[in-house]
């Protein structure tokens, strides 16, 4: 099945986000962890802490912040997916974790991207 333009842009944003995190010392543990009740774009680890990352990518000038697309119902679904991941992977209750949102602003003409990260978003 071929990807839609929106899916292609999203995948580019996720790839850029992974590169951004790796350059900053994170180890990517998983990508696109899917359950019926939610999906986690990137799961990374740094300094014994696990980071669950939602990536929002835009490729045109908009009047809103991409992060604003992480609605309360989306946060609830992400929370369920995170709990499932922690249980499935037998992660210790003592292990610290946080949820971050990365906004990627793509300029398709110049093939450049800007990234903004919102750390420790409350679920």
C-alpha atoms as a PDB file:
ATOM      1  CA  UNK A   1       0.000   0.000   0.000  1.00  0.00           C
ATOM      2  CA  UNK A   2       1.489   3.351  -1.002  1.00  0.00           C
ATOM      3  CA  UNK A   3       1.857   6.187   1.470  1.00  0.00           C
ATOM      4  CA  UNK A   4      -0.161   9.376   1.332  1.00  0.00           C
ATOM      5  CA  UNK A   5       1.680  12.690   1.076  1.00  0.00           C
ATOM      6  CA  UNK A   6       0.856  13.337   4.752  1.00  0.00           C
ATOM      7  CA  UNK A   7       2.363   9.967   5.738  1.00  0.00           C
ATOM      8  CA  UNK A   8       5.524  10.688   3.710  1.00  0.00           C
ATOM      9  CA  UNK A   9       5.921  14.081   5.419  1.00  0.00           C
ATOM     10  CA  UNK A  10       5.344  12.407   8.802  1.00  0.00           C
ATOM     11  CA  UNK A  11       7.979   9.766   8.111  1.00  0.00           C
ATOM     12  CA  UNK A  12      10.500  12.437   7.070  1.00  0.00           C
ATOM     13  CA  UNK A  13       9.774  14.293  10.314  1.00  0.00           C
ATOM     14  CA  UNK A  14      10.260  11.140  12.379  1.00  0.00           C
ATOM     15  CA  UNK A  15      13.565  10.361  10.624  1.00  0.00           C
ATOM     16  CA  UNK A  16      14.812  13.918  11.259  1.00  0.00           C
ATOM     17  CA  UNK A  17      13.698  13.651  14.902  1.00  0.00           C
ATOM     18  CA  UNK A  18      15.605  10.391  15.360  1.00  0.00           C
ATOM     19  CA  UNK A  19      18.761  11.966  13.918  1.00  0.00           C
ATOM     20  CA  UNK A  20      18.260  14.965  16.233  1.00  0.00           C
ATOM     21  CA  UNK A  21      17.942  12.704  19.292  1.00  0.00           C
ATOM     22  CA  UNK A  22      20.882  10.439  18.371  1.00  0.00           C
ATOM     23  CA  UNK A  23      23.152  13.485  17.896  1.00  0.00           C
ATOM     24  CA  UNK A  24      22.220  14.508  21.441  1.00  0.00           C
ATOM     25  CA  UNK A  25      23.175  11.169  22.968  1.00  0.00           C
ATOM     26  CA  UNK A  26      19.846   9.317  22.912  1.00  0.00           C
ATOM     27  CA  UNK A  27      19.613   5.663  21.889  1.00  0.00           C
ATOM     28  CA  UNK A  28      16.547   4.850  19.808  1.00  0.00           C
ATOM     29  CA  UNK A  29      14.835   1.790  21.331  1.00  0.00           C
ATOM     30  CA  UNK A  30      11.763   1.583  19.152  1.00  0.00           C
ATOM     31  CA  UNK A  31       9.800   3.394  16.435  1.00  0.00           C
ATOM     32  CA  UNK A  32       6.121   3.364  15.589  1.00  0.00           C
ATOM     33  CA  UNK A  33       5.110   1.164  18.515  1.00  0.00           C
ATOM     34  CA  UNK A  34       1.468   0.428  17.642  1.00  0.00           C
ATOM     35  CA  UNK A  35      -1.445  -0.885  19.630  1.00  0.00           C
ATOM     36  CA  UNK A  36      -5.162  -0.641  18.846  1.00  0.00           C
ATOM     37  CA  UNK A  37      -5.449   2.169  21.392  1.00  0.00           C
ATOM     38  CA  UNK A  38      -2.472   4.269  20.342  1.00  0.00           C
ATOM     39  CA  UNK A  39       0.908   4.631  18.684  1.00  0.00           C
ATOM     40  CA  UNK A  40       4.189   5.989  20.001  1.00  0.00           C
ATOM     41  CA  UNK A  41       6.349   7.520  17.268  1.00  0.00           C
ATOM     42  CA  UNK A  42       9.749   7.202  18.958  1.00  0.00           C
ATOM     43  CA  UNK A  43      10.941   5.507  22.138  1.00  0.00           C
ATOM     44  CA  UNK A  44      14.446   6.517  23.170  1.00  0.00           C
ATOM     45  CA  UNK A  45      16.728   6.208  26.166  1.00  0.00           C
ATOM     46  CA  UNK A  46      19.324   8.500  27.658  1.00  0.00           C
ATOM     47  CA  UNK A  47      20.990   8.350  31.068  1.00  0.00           C
ATOM     48  CA  UNK A  48      18.756   5.487  32.293  1.00  0.00           C
ATOM     49  CA  UNK A  49      15.591   7.454  31.460  1.00  0.00           C
ATOM     50  CA  UNK A  50      13.091   6.421  28.784  1.00  0.00           C
ATOM     51  CA  UNK A  51      11.633   9.087  26.507  1.00  0.00           C
ATOM     52  CA  UNK A  52       8.363   8.574  24.664  1.00  0.00           C
ATOM     53  CA  UNK A  53       8.221  11.023  21.777  1.00  0.00           C
ATOM     54  CA  UNK A  54       5.307  12.197  19.636  1.00  0.00           C
ATOM     55  CA  UNK A  55       6.423  13.850  16.392  1.00  0.00           C
ATOM     56  CA  UNK A  56       4.318  16.476  14.629  1.00  0.00           C
ATOM     57  CA  UNK A  57       5.572  17.632  11.240  1.00  0.00           C
ATOM     58  CA  UNK A  58       4.392  20.509   9.054  1.00  0.00           C
ATOM     59  CA  UNK A  59       5.625  21.309   5.571  1.00  0.00           C
ATOM     60  CA  UNK A  60       3.869  24.613   5.030  1.00  0.00           C
ATOM     61  CA  UNK A  61       3.376  27.848   6.912  1.00  0.00           C
ATOM     62  CA  UNK A  62       0.468  27.511   9.306  1.00  0.00           C
ATOM     63  CA  UNK A  63      -1.264  29.698  11.843  1.00  0.00           C
ATOM     64  CA  UNK A  64      -1.042  27.071  14.570  1.00  0.00           C
ATOM     65  CA  UNK A  65       1.683  25.228  16.404  1.00  0.00           C
ATOM     66  CA  UNK A  66       2.017  21.564  15.407  1.00  0.00           C
ATOM     67  CA  UNK A  67       2.176  20.645  19.095  1.00  0.00           C
ATOM     68  CA  UNK A  68      -1.403  21.886  19.427  1.00  0.00           C
ATOM     69  CA  UNK A  69      -2.478  18.793  17.474  1.00  0.00           C
ATOM     70  CA  UNK A  70      -1.710  16.650  20.521  1.00  0.00           C
ATOM     71  CA  UNK A  71      -5.268  16.854  21.868  1.00  0.00           C
ATOM     72  CA  UNK A  72      -6.438  15.528  25.258  1.00  0.00           C
ATOM     73  CA  UNK A  73      -7.923  12.375  23.660  1.00  0.00           C
ATOM     74  CA  UNK A  74      -4.568  11.780  21.901  1.00  0.00           C
ATOM     75  CA  UNK A  75      -2.741  12.183  25.224  1.00  0.00           C
ATOM     76  CA  UNK A  76      -5.065   9.624  26.806  1.00  0.00           C
ATOM     77  CA  UNK A  77      -4.385   7.127  24.004  1.00  0.00           C
ATOM     78  CA  UNK A  78      -0.631   7.786  24.257  1.00  0.00           C
ATOM     79  CA  UNK A  79      -0.769   7.246  28.010  1.00  0.00           C
ATOM     80  CA  UNK A  80      -2.379   3.836  27.475  1.00  0.00           C
ATOM     81  CA  UNK A  81       0.210   2.907  24.831  1.00  0.00           C
ATOM     82  CA  UNK A  82       3.060   3.980  27.138  1.00  0.00           C
ATOM     83  CA  UNK A  83       1.685   1.872  30.022  1.00  0.00           C
ATOM     84  CA  UNK A  84       1.341  -1.102  27.679  1.00  0.00           C
ATOM     85  CA  UNK A  85       4.924  -0.651  26.422  1.00  0.00           C
ATOM     86  CA  UNK A  86       6.319  -0.471  29.965  1.00  0.00           C
ATOM     87  CA  UNK A  87       4.449  -3.641  30.959  1.00  0.00           C
ATOM     88  CA  UNK A  88       5.227  -5.518  27.747  1.00  0.00           C
ATOM     89  CA  UNK A  89       8.957  -4.751  27.992  1.00  0.00           C
ATOM     90  CA  UNK A  90       9.051  -5.541  31.744  1.00  0.00           C
ATOM     91  CA  UNK A  91      10.412  -2.089  32.550  1.00  0.00           C
ATOM     92  CA  UNK A  92      11.033  -1.672  36.273  1.00  0.00           C
ATOM     93  CA  UNK A  93       8.660   0.624  38.181  1.00  0.00           C
ATOM     94  CA  UNK A  94      11.757   2.511  39.337  1.00  0.00           C
ATOM     95  CA  UNK A  95      12.725   3.445  35.780  1.00  0.00           C
ATOM     96  CA  UNK A  96      12.123   7.131  35.091  1.00  0.00           C
ATOM     97  CA  UNK A  97      10.324   8.113  31.911  1.00  0.00           C
ATOM     98  CA  UNK A  98       8.835  11.180  30.304  1.00  0.00           C
ATOM     99  CA  UNK A  99       6.719  12.162  27.324  1.00  0.00           C
ATOM    100  CA  UNK A 100       8.021  14.773  24.867  1.00  0.00           C
ATOM    101  CA  UNK A 101       6.624  16.320  21.705  1.00  0.00           C
ATOM    102  CA  UNK A 102       8.898  17.243  18.810  1.00  0.00           C
ATOM    103  CA  UNK A 103       7.621  19.718  16.224  1.00  0.00           C
ATOM    104  CA  UNK A 104       9.388  19.545  12.862  1.00  0.00           C
ATOM    105  CA  UNK A 105       9.052  22.422  10.414  1.00  0.00           C
ATOM    106  CA  UNK A 106      10.044  21.275   6.934  1.00  0.00           C
ATOM    107  CA  UNK A 107      10.994  23.603   4.107  1.00  0.00           C
ATOM    108  CA  UNK A 108      10.649  21.313   1.109  1.00  0.00           C
ATOM    109  CA  UNK A 109      12.157  23.860  -1.306  1.00  0.00           C
ATOM    110  CA  UNK A 110      15.424  24.304   0.593  1.00  0.00           C
ATOM    111  CA  UNK A 111      15.331  20.785   2.086  1.00  0.00           C
ATOM    112  CA  UNK A 112      15.936  22.183   5.554  1.00  0.00           C
ATOM    113  CA  UNK A 113      14.161  21.531   8.818  1.00  0.00           C
ATOM    114  CA  UNK A 114      13.742  23.300  12.130  1.00  0.00           C
ATOM    115  CA  UNK A 115      12.973  21.377  15.282  1.00  0.00           C
ATOM    116  CA  UNK A 116      11.310  22.473  18.490  1.00  0.00           C
ATOM    117  CA  UNK A 117      11.018  20.083  21.426  1.00  0.00           C
ATOM    118  CA  UNK A 118       8.509  20.377  24.245  1.00  0.00           C
ATOM    119  CA  UNK A 119       9.799  18.289  27.117  1.00  0.00           C
ATOM    120  CA  UNK A 120       8.005  16.445  29.900  1.00  0.00           C
ATOM    121  CA  UNK A 121       4.448  16.966  28.686  1.00  0.00           C
ATOM    122  CA  UNK A 122       1.879  15.914  31.285  1.00  0.00           C
ATOM    123  CA  UNK A 123      -0.319  13.018  30.177  1.00  0.00           C
END
